Structure formats: structure tokens, C-alpha cells
Protein backbone atom coordinates (compact mmCIF):
# COMPACT_ATOMS: atom_id res chain seq x y z
CA MET A 1 0.00 0.00 0.00
CA LEU A 2 1.23 3.50 -0.82
CA GLN A 3 2.15 5.54 2.23
CA GLY A 4 1.54 9.23 2.67
CA PHE A 5 4.29 11.82 2.93
CA GLN A 6 4.88 15.56 2.91
CA ILE A 7 7.40 17.73 1.05
CA GLU A 8 8.16 21.41 1.58
CA GLY A 9 9.58 23.67 -1.07
CA ASN A 10 8.91 26.47 -3.50
CA ILE A 11 5.79 25.35 -5.32
CA VAL A 12 5.51 26.25 -9.02
CA ASP A 13 1.81 26.54 -9.83
CA ILE A 14 1.71 26.53 -13.64
CA ILE A 15 -2.10 26.75 -13.73
CA ARG A 16 -2.32 30.03 -11.76
CA LYS A 17 1.18 31.14 -12.79
CA LYS A 18 2.39 31.63 -9.21
CA ILE A 19 5.38 30.52 -7.15
CA TYR A 20 5.23 30.34 -3.36
CA TYR A 21 6.75 28.43 -0.45
CA GLY A 22 4.46 25.65 0.68
CA LEU A 23 3.78 22.09 1.73
CA VAL A 24 2.60 19.25 -0.49
CA THR A 25 0.83 16.36 1.23
CA VAL A 26 0.55 13.08 -0.68
CA SER A 27 -1.73 10.18 0.25
CA ASN A 28 -2.39 6.96 -1.70
CA GLY A 29 -0.65 8.22 -4.82
CA ARG A 30 -2.55 11.51 -5.04
CA ILE A 31 -2.01 15.04 -3.78
CA GLU A 32 -4.21 15.40 -0.73
CA SER A 33 -3.48 19.07 -0.06
CA ILE A 34 -1.18 21.97 -0.92
CA ASN A 35 -0.55 24.61 1.74
CA ASN A 36 0.65 28.09 0.79
CA TYR A 37 3.10 29.46 3.38
CA GLY A 38 3.90 32.67 1.54
CA ALA A 39 7.08 34.12 0.05
CA VAL A 40 9.59 32.05 -1.92
CA SER A 41 12.50 30.68 0.13
CA SER A 42 15.95 31.25 -1.35
CA SER A 43 17.29 28.10 0.31
CA ALA A 44 14.55 25.69 -0.74
CA CYS A 45 14.24 23.54 -3.82
CA TYR A 46 11.42 23.97 -6.35
CA ILE A 47 8.50 21.59 -6.76
CA LEU A 48 6.85 21.49 -10.18
CA PRO A 49 4.85 19.10 -12.39
CA GLY A 50 6.87 16.40 -14.12
CA PHE A 51 7.93 16.74 -17.73
CA ILE A 52 6.17 14.97 -20.60
CA ASP A 53 7.88 13.87 -23.82
CA SER A 54 5.06 14.64 -26.24
CA HIS A 55 6.25 12.46 -29.11
CA VAL A 56 8.81 9.71 -28.78
CA HIS A 57 9.66 6.34 -30.25
CA ILE A 58 10.91 4.35 -27.27
CA GLU A 59 12.49 1.87 -29.68
CA SER A 60 14.95 4.51 -30.94
CA SER A 61 16.64 4.46 -27.54
CA MET A 62 17.39 0.78 -28.34
CA LEU A 63 15.90 0.05 -24.90
CA VAL A 64 12.71 -1.76 -23.98
CA PRO A 65 10.22 0.56 -22.21
CA SER A 66 11.11 -0.60 -18.69
CA GLU A 67 14.77 0.32 -19.25
CA PHE A 68 13.88 3.59 -20.99
CA ALA A 69 11.87 4.59 -17.92
CA ARG A 70 14.84 4.03 -15.62
CA ILE A 71 16.78 6.73 -17.49
CA ALA A 72 13.91 9.11 -18.25
CA VAL A 73 12.90 9.63 -14.61
CA CYS A 74 16.39 10.92 -13.83
CA HIS A 75 15.59 13.85 -16.14
CA GLY A 76 12.22 14.54 -14.52
CA THR A 77 10.18 12.86 -17.24
CA VAL A 78 7.07 11.25 -15.75
CA ALA A 79 5.22 10.35 -18.96
CA THR A 80 5.66 9.87 -22.67
CA VAL A 81 3.31 10.04 -25.63
CA SER A 82 4.83 7.07 -27.40
CA ASP A 83 4.35 5.95 -30.98
CA PRO A 84 5.27 2.23 -31.16
CA HIS A 85 5.34 2.11 -34.96
CA GLU A 86 8.95 0.93 -35.05
CA ILE A 87 8.16 -2.41 -33.44
CA ALA A 88 4.74 -2.40 -35.15
CA ASN A 89 6.43 -2.42 -38.56
CA VAL A 90 8.36 -5.51 -37.45
CA LEU A 91 5.71 -7.44 -35.50
CA GLY A 92 2.38 -5.65 -35.94
CA ILE A 93 -0.15 -5.54 -33.10
CA LYS A 94 1.84 -8.20 -31.25
CA GLY A 95 4.76 -5.77 -31.08
CA ILE A 96 2.60 -2.93 -29.75
CA ARG A 97 1.24 -5.19 -27.03
CA TYR A 98 4.78 -6.18 -26.12
CA MET A 99 5.57 -2.49 -25.47
CA ILE A 100 2.41 -1.99 -23.43
CA GLU A 101 2.99 -5.04 -21.23
CA ASN A 102 6.66 -4.30 -20.63
CA GLY A 103 5.87 -0.66 -19.78
CA ARG A 104 3.31 -1.73 -17.19
CA LYS A 105 6.02 -3.45 -15.16
CA VAL A 106 7.51 -0.17 -13.94
CA PRO A 107 6.16 2.99 -12.23
CA PHE A 108 6.13 5.22 -15.30
CA LYS A 109 3.33 6.58 -17.49
CA PHE A 110 3.62 5.32 -21.05
CA TYR A 111 0.78 6.49 -23.30
CA PHE A 112 1.03 4.46 -26.49
CA GLY A 113 -0.75 5.31 -29.73
CA ALA A 114 -2.28 3.15 -32.44
CA SER A 115 0.29 3.14 -35.24
CA SER A 116 -1.36 4.58 -38.34
CA CYS A 117 1.21 3.69 -41.00
CA VAL A 118 2.22 0.04 -40.86
CA PRO A 119 3.81 -0.24 -43.33
CA ALA A 120 4.82 3.40 -43.70
CA THR A 121 4.53 3.13 -47.48
CA SER A 122 3.97 0.50 -50.15
CA PHE A 123 7.44 1.25 -51.53
CA GLU A 124 9.30 -0.86 -48.95
CA THR A 125 9.06 -4.26 -47.32
CA SER A 126 7.96 -4.39 -43.69
CA GLY A 127 7.33 -7.28 -41.37
CA ALA A 128 3.68 -6.58 -40.64
CA GLU A 129 0.57 -4.63 -41.56
CA ILE A 130 -2.11 -2.91 -39.46
CA ASP A 131 -5.31 -2.06 -41.32
CA ALA A 132 -8.27 0.05 -40.20
CA GLY A 133 -9.75 -2.95 -38.37
CA GLY A 134 -6.54 -3.29 -36.41
CA ILE A 135 -6.68 0.40 -35.47
CA ARG A 136 -10.19 -0.03 -34.08
CA GLU A 137 -9.09 -3.10 -32.13
CA LEU A 138 -6.17 -1.20 -30.56
CA PHE A 139 -8.49 1.61 -29.47
CA GLU A 140 -11.32 -0.53 -28.19
CA LYS A 141 -9.46 -3.51 -26.74
CA ASP A 142 -6.14 -2.00 -25.72
CA LYS A 143 -7.48 1.47 -24.81
CA LEU A 144 -4.76 3.35 -26.68
CA LYS A 145 -4.80 7.13 -26.41
CA TYR A 146 -4.39 8.49 -29.92
CA LEU A 147 -3.77 7.70 -33.58
CA SER A 148 -0.01 7.86 -34.08
CA GLU A 149 1.64 10.08 -36.66
CA MET A 150 -0.08 9.93 -40.03
CA MET A 151 3.02 9.88 -42.23
CA ASN A 152 1.14 9.15 -45.42
CA TYR A 153 0.29 12.79 -45.99
CA PRO A 154 -0.23 12.29 -49.75
CA GLY A 155 -2.84 9.70 -48.79
CA VAL A 156 -4.55 12.21 -46.51
CA ILE A 157 -4.44 15.05 -49.04
CA ASN A 158 -5.81 12.79 -51.79
CA ARG A 159 -8.37 11.25 -49.40
CA ASP A 160 -7.20 7.65 -49.77
CA PRO A 161 -10.09 5.44 -48.49
CA GLU A 162 -8.00 3.26 -46.12
CA VAL A 163 -6.14 6.26 -44.70
CA MET A 164 -9.36 8.20 -44.17
CA GLU A 165 -11.03 5.20 -42.53
CA LYS A 166 -8.29 5.09 -39.89
CA ILE A 167 -8.72 8.81 -39.19
CA LYS A 168 -12.51 8.41 -39.10
CA ILE A 169 -12.26 5.66 -36.47
CA ALA A 170 -10.00 7.81 -34.28
CA ARG A 171 -12.29 10.84 -34.50
CA GLU A 172 -15.38 8.72 -33.91
CA LEU A 173 -13.82 7.48 -30.66
CA GLY A 174 -12.63 10.94 -29.62
CA LYS A 175 -8.92 10.21 -30.12
CA PRO A 176 -6.45 12.90 -31.29
CA VAL A 177 -4.65 12.25 -34.58
CA ASP A 178 -0.93 13.03 -34.75
CA GLY A 179 0.61 14.33 -37.96
CA HIS A 180 3.87 14.00 -39.86
CA ALA A 181 4.21 16.26 -42.87
CA PRO A 182 7.64 17.87 -43.25
CA GLY A 183 7.66 20.94 -45.45
CA LEU A 184 3.92 20.90 -46.14
CA ARG A 185 2.58 24.42 -46.72
CA GLY A 186 -0.37 26.33 -48.10
CA GLU A 187 -3.37 24.58 -49.57
CA ASP A 188 -1.88 21.11 -49.06
CA ALA A 189 -1.29 21.87 -45.36
CA ARG A 190 -4.83 23.19 -45.00
CA ARG A 191 -6.30 20.07 -46.63
CA TYR A 192 -4.12 17.78 -44.47
CA ILE A 193 -5.13 19.51 -41.23
CA GLU A 194 -8.77 19.79 -42.27
CA ALA A 195 -8.92 15.98 -42.40
CA GLY A 196 -8.48 15.93 -38.62
CA ILE A 197 -4.70 15.98 -38.10
CA SER A 198 -3.98 17.85 -34.87
CA THR A 199 -0.17 17.99 -34.43
CA ASP A 200 3.12 17.95 -36.31
CA HIS A 201 6.63 17.41 -34.98
CA GLU A 202 8.35 17.61 -38.39
CA CYS A 203 8.42 21.39 -39.05
CA PHE A 204 11.92 22.54 -39.95
CA THR A 205 11.24 26.24 -40.57
CA LEU A 206 9.35 28.82 -38.52
CA GLU A 207 7.33 29.84 -41.56
CA GLU A 208 6.13 26.27 -42.04
CA ALA A 209 5.10 26.01 -38.38
CA LEU A 210 3.23 29.33 -38.47
CA ASP A 211 1.43 28.24 -41.63
CA LYS A 212 0.23 25.05 -39.93
CA ILE A 213 -0.79 26.87 -36.74
CA LYS A 214 -2.86 29.23 -38.89
CA TYR A 215 -4.92 26.24 -40.03
CA GLY A 216 -5.45 24.99 -36.47
CA MET A 217 -2.55 22.62 -35.86
CA LYS A 218 -0.39 22.34 -32.74
CA ILE A 219 3.38 22.15 -33.19
CA ILE A 220 5.70 19.85 -31.23
CA ILE A 221 9.23 21.25 -31.03
CA ARG A 222 11.76 18.44 -31.37
CA GLU A 223 15.31 17.95 -30.11
CA GLY A 224 16.44 14.40 -30.86
CA SER A 225 19.78 12.75 -31.56
CA ALA A 226 19.67 13.52 -35.29
CA ALA A 227 16.72 15.85 -35.86
CA LYS A 228 17.02 19.16 -34.01
CA ASN A 229 14.43 21.83 -34.74
CA PHE A 230 14.50 23.96 -31.59
CA GLN A 231 16.79 26.59 -33.07
CA ALA A 232 14.38 27.18 -35.95
CA LEU A 233 11.13 26.97 -33.97
CA HIS A 234 11.82 28.47 -30.52
CA PRO A 235 10.06 31.82 -31.29
CA LEU A 236 6.80 29.85 -31.09
CA ILE A 237 7.26 29.74 -27.30
CA ARG A 238 6.46 33.46 -27.20
CA LEU A 239 4.22 33.69 -30.26
CA HIS A 240 1.93 30.72 -29.57
CA PRO A 241 2.62 29.29 -26.09
CA ASP A 242 -0.71 27.44 -25.98
CA LYS A 243 -0.07 25.75 -29.34
CA ILE A 244 3.26 24.04 -28.66
CA MET A 245 4.73 21.01 -26.89
CA PHE A 246 8.24 19.58 -26.60
CA CYS A 247 9.53 16.17 -27.70
CA SER A 248 12.68 14.17 -28.30
CA ASP A 249 11.17 11.90 -31.01
CA ASP A 250 14.26 9.72 -31.47
CA LYS A 251 17.13 9.56 -28.98
CA HIS A 252 19.90 7.02 -28.87
CA PRO A 253 20.90 5.74 -25.41
CA ASP A 254 23.99 7.90 -24.95
CA ASP A 255 21.98 11.07 -25.63
CA LEU A 256 19.09 9.92 -23.44
CA ILE A 257 21.44 9.60 -20.48
CA LYS A 258 22.59 13.21 -21.02
CA GLY A 259 19.11 14.73 -21.06
CA GLN A 260 15.58 14.83 -22.39
CA ILE A 261 12.84 17.48 -22.00
CA ASP A 262 14.74 19.01 -19.06
CA LYS A 263 17.40 20.25 -21.50
CA ILE A 264 14.83 21.96 -23.72
CA VAL A 265 13.29 23.63 -20.66
CA SER A 266 16.57 25.00 -19.29
CA ARG A 267 17.63 26.15 -22.76
CA SER A 268 14.33 27.96 -23.31
CA VAL A 269 14.45 29.75 -19.96
CA ALA A 270 18.08 30.74 -20.56
CA MET A 271 16.97 32.41 -23.80
CA GLY A 272 14.62 34.64 -21.83
CA TYR A 273 11.29 32.95 -22.51
CA ASP A 274 8.59 33.19 -19.88
CA LEU A 275 8.90 30.40 -17.32
CA PHE A 276 5.21 29.57 -17.36
CA ASP A 277 5.05 29.50 -21.16
CA VAL A 278 7.96 27.05 -21.18
CA LEU A 279 6.53 24.83 -18.45
CA GLY A 280 3.15 24.94 -20.15
CA ALA A 281 4.72 23.33 -23.21
CA ALA A 282 6.73 20.83 -21.15
CA CYS A 283 4.05 19.80 -18.64
CA MET A 284 0.53 21.11 -19.20
CA ASN A 285 -0.23 21.30 -22.93
CA PRO A 286 0.32 17.55 -23.53
CA VAL A 287 -2.01 16.66 -20.65
CA ILE A 288 -4.77 18.82 -22.12
CA HIS A 289 -4.27 17.80 -25.75
CA TYR A 290 -3.99 14.04 -25.21
CA LYS A 291 -6.25 13.89 -22.11
CA LEU A 292 -3.55 12.24 -20.05
CA ASP A 293 -3.98 11.06 -16.48
CA VAL A 294 -0.89 12.96 -15.39
CA GLY A 295 -0.88 15.29 -12.41
CA LEU A 296 -0.28 19.03 -12.74
CA LEU A 297 0.47 19.68 -9.05
CA ARG A 298 -3.11 20.32 -8.00
CA GLU A 299 -5.09 18.91 -5.10
CA LYS A 300 -6.64 15.51 -5.97
CA ASP A 301 -4.26 15.11 -8.95
CA PRO A 302 -2.01 12.06 -9.28
CA ALA A 303 1.20 12.80 -7.41
CA ASP A 304 3.39 13.24 -10.49
CA PHE A 305 5.94 15.94 -9.76
CA ILE A 306 9.63 16.70 -9.55
CA LEU A 307 12.02 18.60 -7.30
CA VAL A 308 14.65 20.74 -9.01
CA ASN A 309 17.55 22.76 -7.62
CA ASN A 310 16.49 26.05 -9.25
CA LEU A 311 14.54 27.49 -12.16
CA THR A 312 17.64 28.04 -14.27
CA ASP A 313 19.49 24.73 -14.40
CA PHE A 314 16.47 22.52 -13.66
CA LYS A 315 18.74 19.85 -12.19
CA VAL A 316 16.31 17.12 -11.12
CA LEU A 317 16.75 16.15 -7.48
CA LYS A 318 13.78 13.82 -7.11
CA THR A 319 11.00 12.45 -9.34
CA TYR A 320 7.65 11.13 -8.12
CA ILE A 321 5.10 9.21 -10.20
CA ASN A 322 1.77 8.34 -8.57
CA GLY A 323 3.43 9.14 -5.25
CA ILE A 324 6.29 6.67 -5.82
CA GLN A 325 9.79 8.16 -5.76
CA THR A 326 11.47 7.00 -8.97
CA SER A 327 14.72 8.96 -8.93
CA ASN A 328 17.03 10.58 -6.41
CA GLU A 329 19.93 12.92 -7.23
CA GLY A 330 20.34 11.54 -10.75
CA LYS A 331 20.05 7.89 -9.70
CA SER A 332 17.13 5.80 -10.88
CA LEU A 333 15.12 4.06 -8.17
CA ILE A 334 13.24 1.87 -10.67
CA ASP A 335 14.35 -1.76 -10.45
CA ARG A 336 15.25 -3.72 -13.58
CA VAL A 337 12.64 -6.20 -14.75
CA ASP A 338 12.86 -9.21 -17.03
CA ALA A 339 11.96 -8.61 -20.67
CA GLU A 340 11.41 -11.47 -23.08
CA VAL A 341 12.93 -11.55 -26.57
CA ILE A 342 10.59 -11.50 -29.57
CA ASN A 343 11.72 -11.05 -33.16
CA ASN A 344 10.98 -11.35 -36.88
CA PHE A 345 14.21 -11.95 -38.79
CA ASN A 346 14.82 -14.34 -41.67
CA LEU A 347 17.84 -13.63 -43.87
CA GLU A 348 20.97 -15.39 -45.11
CA GLU A 349 24.39 -13.73 -45.05
CA THR A 350 25.60 -11.53 -47.90
CA SER A 351 28.80 -11.51 -49.94
CA SER A 352 30.79 -8.55 -51.27
CA GLU A 353 29.47 -9.35 -54.77
CA ASP A 354 25.97 -8.38 -53.64
CA PHE A 355 26.98 -4.71 -53.30
CA LYS A 356 28.49 -4.14 -56.73
CA ILE A 357 26.88 -1.68 -59.19
CA LYS A 358 27.60 -2.07 -62.90
CA SER A 359 28.15 0.93 -65.19
CA ASN A 360 26.73 -1.03 -68.12
CA GLY A 361 29.80 -0.46 -70.28
CA ARG A 362 29.89 3.31 -69.83
CA ASP A 363 33.07 5.06 -68.72
CA LYS A 364 31.34 8.30 -67.76
CA VAL A 365 28.16 8.00 -65.69
CA LEU A 366 26.15 10.80 -64.03
CA ILE A 367 24.41 9.50 -60.92
CA ARG A 368 21.98 10.67 -58.27
CA VAL A 369 23.49 10.81 -54.77
CA ILE A 370 21.62 11.15 -51.48
CA ASP A 371 22.83 14.35 -49.79
CA ALA A 372 22.69 13.74 -46.02
CA ILE A 373 22.28 16.82 -43.80
CA ASP A 374 23.60 16.75 -40.24
CA GLY A 375 20.87 17.51 -37.70
CA GLN A 376 18.02 17.01 -40.18
CA LEU A 377 15.91 14.12 -41.45
CA ILE A 378 15.40 15.76 -44.83
CA THR A 379 18.02 15.11 -47.51
CA GLY A 380 19.03 16.70 -50.78
CA GLU A 381 19.83 15.29 -54.20
CA TYR A 382 23.37 15.67 -55.50
CA HIS A 383 24.53 14.84 -59.06
CA TYR A 384 27.99 13.38 -59.55
CA TYR A 385 30.05 11.89 -62.38
CA ALA A 386 30.81 8.51 -60.89
CA LYS A 387 34.16 6.80 -60.48
CA VAL A 388 34.18 3.77 -62.83
CA ASN A 389 36.64 0.87 -62.98
CA ASN A 390 36.21 -2.41 -64.90
CA ASP A 391 32.52 -1.66 -65.50
CA GLU A 392 31.93 -1.08 -61.77
CA ILE A 393 30.83 2.18 -60.13
CA LEU A 394 32.98 2.69 -57.06
CA SER A 395 32.86 4.80 -53.93
CA SER A 396 35.04 7.90 -53.99
CA VAL A 397 36.56 8.66 -50.58
CA GLU A 398 38.21 11.84 -51.85
CA ASN A 399 34.81 13.21 -52.93
CA ASP A 400 32.93 11.71 -49.98
CA ILE A 401 30.72 9.63 -52.29
CA LEU A 402 30.06 6.30 -50.57
CA LYS A 403 27.82 3.33 -51.20
CA ILE A 404 24.59 2.97 -49.25
CA ALA A 405 22.66 -0.28 -49.20
CA VAL A 406 19.35 -1.56 -47.81
CA ILE A 407 18.89 -5.31 -47.30
CA GLN A 408 15.38 -6.62 -46.65
CA ARG A 409 15.49 -8.72 -43.48
CA TYR A 410 12.17 -10.56 -43.55
CA SER A 411 13.15 -12.86 -46.43
CA ASN A 412 16.10 -13.30 -48.79
CA SER A 413 16.41 -10.72 -51.56
CA VAL A 414 19.02 -8.78 -53.52
CA PRO A 415 20.37 -5.68 -51.70
CA SER A 416 19.29 -2.29 -52.98
CA VAL A 417 22.44 -0.20 -53.51
CA GLY A 418 22.91 3.52 -54.17
CA PHE A 419 25.24 6.36 -53.24
CA ILE A 420 25.35 8.96 -50.46
CA ARG A 421 27.56 11.83 -49.38
CA ASN A 422 28.38 13.71 -46.14
CA PHE A 423 28.95 10.58 -44.06
CA GLY A 424 32.68 11.23 -44.35
CA LEU A 425 34.00 7.68 -43.85
CA LYS A 426 37.58 7.29 -45.05
CA LYS A 427 37.49 3.52 -44.70
CA GLY A 428 35.27 0.73 -43.38
CA ALA A 429 31.49 0.59 -43.08
CA ILE A 430 28.70 1.07 -40.57
CA ALA A 431 25.40 -0.80 -40.55
CA SER A 432 22.18 -0.81 -38.55
CA CYS A 433 18.95 -2.76 -38.27
CA VAL A 434 17.39 0.37 -36.76
CA ALA A 435 16.18 1.80 -40.07
CA HIS A 436 12.92 3.71 -40.07
CA ASP A 437 10.31 2.57 -40.53
CA SER A 438 10.48 -1.01 -41.79
CA HIS A 439 13.76 -1.76 -39.99
CA ASN A 440 15.51 -3.55 -42.77
CA ILE A 441 19.31 -3.46 -42.58
CA ILE A 442 20.89 -0.23 -43.83
CA ALA A 443 24.61 0.32 -44.32
CA VAL A 444 27.08 2.92 -45.60
CA GLY A 445 30.64 2.02 -46.50
CA VAL A 446 33.77 2.56 -48.54
CA SER A 447 34.35 -1.01 -49.74
CA ASP A 448 32.02 -3.86 -50.67
CA GLU A 449 33.92 -6.19 -48.33
CA ASP A 450 33.39 -3.93 -45.31
CA LEU A 451 29.74 -3.43 -46.22
CA SER A 452 29.22 -7.17 -46.32
CA ASN A 453 31.07 -7.72 -43.03
CA ALA A 454 29.08 -5.02 -41.21
CA VAL A 455 25.78 -6.36 -42.55
CA ASN A 456 26.61 -10.00 -41.81
CA ALA A 457 27.37 -9.25 -38.15
CA ILE A 458 23.80 -7.99 -37.82
CA ILE A 459 22.37 -10.97 -39.71
CA LYS A 460 24.22 -13.44 -37.46
CA ASN A 461 22.76 -11.77 -34.35
CA LYS A 462 19.31 -11.08 -35.82
CA GLY A 463 19.57 -7.36 -35.16
CA GLY A 464 21.98 -4.68 -33.99
CA ILE A 465 24.32 -1.90 -35.09
CA SER A 466 27.86 -2.53 -36.27
CA VAL A 467 31.14 -1.01 -37.40
CA SER A 468 33.54 -2.93 -39.66
CA SER A 469 37.04 -2.02 -40.81
CA ASP A 470 40.29 -3.85 -41.57
CA GLY A 471 38.60 -7.21 -41.09
CA LYS A 472 37.38 -6.37 -37.56
CA THR A 473 33.74 -5.83 -36.65
CA THR A 474 32.19 -4.39 -33.47
CA LEU A 475 28.52 -5.06 -32.76
CA LEU A 476 25.85 -3.89 -30.33
CA PRO A 477 23.32 -6.78 -30.41
CA LEU A 478 19.62 -5.81 -30.50
CA PRO A 479 17.72 -9.09 -30.10
CA VAL A 480 14.27 -7.63 -29.30
CA ALA A 481 12.56 -7.20 -32.68
CA GLY A 482 16.06 -6.60 -34.07
CA ILE A 483 15.90 -2.98 -32.81
CA MET A 484 16.06 -3.10 -28.99
CA THR A 485 17.93 -4.84 -26.22
CA ASN A 486 16.69 -6.10 -22.87
CA GLN A 487 20.04 -5.36 -21.24
CA ASP A 488 20.83 -2.68 -18.65
CA ALA A 489 20.43 0.83 -20.06
CA TYR A 490 23.74 2.14 -18.78
CA SER A 491 25.82 -0.72 -20.17
CA VAL A 492 24.02 -0.37 -23.50
CA ALA A 493 24.77 3.36 -23.57
CA GLU A 494 28.43 2.63 -22.84
CA LEU A 495 28.72 0.14 -25.72
CA TYR A 496 26.78 2.44 -28.04
CA THR A 497 29.17 5.30 -27.22
CA ARG A 498 32.12 3.04 -28.08
CA ILE A 499 30.62 2.05 -31.44
CA ASP A 500 29.64 5.65 -32.20
CA ASN A 501 33.23 6.73 -31.50
CA GLU A 502 34.55 3.97 -33.77
CA ALA A 503 32.37 5.27 -36.60
CA LYS A 504 33.76 8.74 -36.04
CA LYS A 505 37.32 7.42 -36.02
CA LEU A 506 36.63 6.10 -39.51
CA GLY A 507 36.11 9.71 -40.53
CA SER A 508 32.44 10.57 -39.97
CA GLN A 509 31.89 14.16 -38.85
CA LEU A 510 28.16 13.66 -38.22
CA HIS A 511 26.93 14.37 -34.69
CA SER A 512 25.14 11.01 -34.61
CA PRO A 513 26.11 8.88 -37.63
CA PHE A 514 23.95 5.89 -36.67
CA MET A 515 20.87 8.02 -36.02
CA THR A 516 21.36 9.82 -39.34
CA LEU A 517 21.84 6.46 -41.08
CA SER A 518 18.60 5.14 -39.59
CA PHE A 519 16.59 7.83 -41.41
CA MET A 520 18.09 7.42 -44.87
CA GLY A 521 15.42 4.80 -45.60
CA LEU A 522 12.50 6.89 -44.29
CA LEU A 523 10.72 7.51 -47.57
CA VAL A 524 8.04 9.85 -46.21
CA ILE A 525 10.62 12.59 -45.55
CA PRO A 526 12.02 14.26 -48.69
CA LYS A 527 13.99 14.42 -50.77
CA LEU A 528 16.09 11.46 -51.90
CA LYS A 529 15.97 8.24 -49.85
CA ILE A 530 16.46 4.52 -50.44
CA SER A 531 14.43 1.44 -49.55
CA ASP A 532 14.99 -2.28 -50.09
CA LYS A 533 13.19 -1.79 -53.43
CA GLY A 534 15.27 1.09 -54.79
CA LEU A 535 16.10 4.80 -54.82
CA PHE A 536 13.09 6.95 -53.93
CA ASP A 537 12.07 10.54 -54.64
CA GLY A 538 10.15 11.69 -51.54
CA GLU A 539 8.82 14.83 -53.22
CA LYS A 540 7.32 13.08 -56.24
CA PHE A 541 6.58 10.04 -54.02
CA LYS A 542 7.84 7.50 -56.52
CA PHE A 543 10.96 5.51 -57.35
CA THR A 544 13.73 7.12 -59.36
CA GLU A 545 16.85 5.87 -61.13
CA ILE A 546 20.46 6.11 -59.92
CA PHE A 547 21.52 7.05 -63.44
CA LEU A 548 20.56 10.43 -64.89
């Protein structure tokens, strides 16, 4: 049985926009009373509602939910609005239920959505499919909170029957519908939002965000491991404080250990934004929008709150969820729990011959190259006269033109191979089975041999990320659906940091090479991407040729 307790401190009332010294009394997981003792005490800590990550894929941390929670509470996060479409694309509804059940084993508030785009597109091979009937089942049987990001924005704009049926079911049941439409403006944005889409976390310019707000959308400002949009969007905190939320979207384990929503909050306050506008985005707006059962430091609310050292650094001293203390001075108080291994992986090993591209007898070949952009999920298209030798198109280290390959992992097939720049590798290869959204194997490398070695390490272990060079390969195994591990979060973060550093020693200047790599197969974000079926133009939404 939960015991009652009392905590004194400077209470931050984000509803009434007041700060005062007082006493919080907790009983049976709820706030029984809050006493106002008057003026703020300079020597006391601050008590405020816990932070909410308003859009996150737990799977991108490479941790199962129970391990994710152990890290998140140390940053004052008490709840997440979690889209499980990564595991859903591998295992369907079974995968979503795995996340729900594992999350229930720990004192943390996971609010999972019904994944709207499984598969994300018809232009790639995924491991499962969720149709409109499956969406209804997830809402009615599993009581999920919202329809996860509708990435098929062309389908929404063109009123595709299956897409619209999923949205109709969500609206019929009173569930919010999350969006995903990078770069969408004007009449297309209006038509997308008019269909019932309520949020977007993919805006990469202020003008785009303002355009979407004009049509009634709420904007989620994102700071993840690869995609960072705060710098472009932070004026929204002052311009439209009631229309914004904060999220991390995708964070690898090393970044998650360093910070989450707490970092966005401290950064915003340091820039001079109003404290209550910032905390509204971090704590209150998600509760209202998604109708979450998360406390906002009011009497009778669930006792979900945090203690921080001050309102500048926001160093989290203690975290409470439903009256249970879950962190203390940066140390997690959530015990590890057992997590079973489930997977969907069926693929034989590759050879270096599988990655060769023929020039078809031409000595001079103009090719399309994916132009990766550090800190963004969008890419460009670069044209390059390829290096040709013995009828083979080769990587060019001196011009930073490397091979990129996607290998379908649900059955044997020929690798899809193209070219990419800005990864910066001088030798070797990196590979990952974390490849949004179908989670086939994706790899970038200088030589065909290293590409094959990096890919085969993942195949042997049925999931993971790897670095291969000079005949040596380092692997972080990800046995759960091929994209997560059930191991301790801190040891995983340590191994990930080592592999990330190895990739950078090979020459990559990217902030997070593996996170950037994982999005090079995400076809719903422009411009040039690659799937297991070929090179893809995300603006025209159709396949394109390597050769011009």
C-alpha cells in the first residue's frame, strides 16, 4: 500500500502562474493538499509538475520501455506520448502489445498510440501490416490514447479510403490524430489539417510552423539525436505558447542519459522565454491535448511531480510518479525487470558481390546521390560523375561519395544499392537494423567487403548496429525485434558510445552517424531516400533511377 508523505519547497503553480513556499501532502498516490506558506524561500528547492515527452519512439533508444523509464525519470520525465510504430512495422499488433505489457512493469506513465502507418509506405518491405480494423481493435481492446503520426500525408491530401477510414475511427472514438508532414505548406497543409490531423513534430522552418498553426494545428518542437528543430522553432514559445509542446522523437541511449525534455526547458528559460510558457509546453499542454492522467500539481491530482535545484538549471533532485519516488539525485530508483525476446528476422548472409553496381559499359556515368544533412531528417539530391573501374561504379573517398545499401530482413532478396555523401567515412562501413520505418538493414561504406562484413554481423545476431574495418567488426546486439535490447540501459549506452566513436574514427563528422543512417530509408521525408526496393524521390513520391 502506498504511504503518505509531505514535502516542503517552492511550489511552481503553472495553472495560476504563481510561485510560493508551501507544503505538499501526498496520500495513496494523489495530492491530498497543498498549503501556501507565503514568500519564496531562497534556500529551498522547487516543486513542479513532471515533464512529458510529447512524441517519442521508445524503440529509438534501443531500450525496452522498462529500461527507458529508468533513465527518463532521472531527467524529470514522468510520462511519454509514445508511438510504437517501429516495433509495429516488425511485428504488428503483437509488437505494440509487447511495449504496453513491458511498460506496465515499472512505475512510469507510457501512453502508447495506435500506429497509423504500418507499413509506412507501399514502396518498402515491412514485417507486418495494421489495417483500419486493427486500429479499431487497438483503441477498443487495448485502450490506446491516440492515432499515431499519419506519415502518409499524400494519402490524406488525396483522401485515400483506407487512410481516411483510420482517421474516421480515431475521430469517432474521440482520439487525437498526430501528424507528420515535413515541409507541407499552403493549400496542401490546409487540406491535411482539415482531415483531422492535430499535431506535427516535423516542421523545420518557422514559416512552415506558423502556416500550420494558422490552419489549427499544434506544433511539437523536437530535439532528438539527429533531428534538431528547436533553433528554428523556438520563437513559437512566445508567439503561440498554448499551441506548442516539446519532444525528443528519437534519442539514442547515450543522448538519453545526457538529457531529455529538461534540457529543452533550461535552454528555453536561458533564452529569456517566460517560465510559465515554457513549463506549459513541457508539462501542461500535452495533458490537455492528449487527455492524459498525469498530475499538474493540483489537489486531488495524481502525485506526479519533480524537485529541481532552481529554475535556471532545472537539475532534477527527485522524481515522483503516482506518489512513488522514482529517482534521487540523478540515480534511478526503478528496479530492472525481465523482458522477453521477440523477433521477426529471416535472412541469409551476404557476400561482397551483392553490393556491386555495374556501369553497363559506360566510362562516364552521371548518378543521383543522397545528400545527407547533419541535424536534419530531410536530404538533398546531388549529381555526380561517378568513379568507374572495370565496369563497376565505385565509392570515392576523396569526394565523400560512398555506397549505401538496404537489405530486406524478412526474407532473402538482392540488396538495394545507391550512393550517399556527407557521411565522411575514409574507410570501413557502418550498418544498422534500426532503419525507419520497416527496420531492414541499412549500411554505408567505402568497400564492398566492409559493407558485407558489417551487414553479416547484424544478420548473425538477428539485429543490432555494427562497425567494420580492416577485417574487424564491433557489434551492439539488438535481439528484441532486431531494434532493442533487454540489457541494462547504462551498459548499452556505454557500448553504443564506443561504437559511435569507432564510426567517427573512420572519418564521420556527423553528430550522430547511426541516427542519421537510420533515417536514410524513411521515404516519407524528402527528398532522396532509399528502400529495399530502390532509390526513392520523396517529393514526387515515386521511385527514381540512380543514373541520370
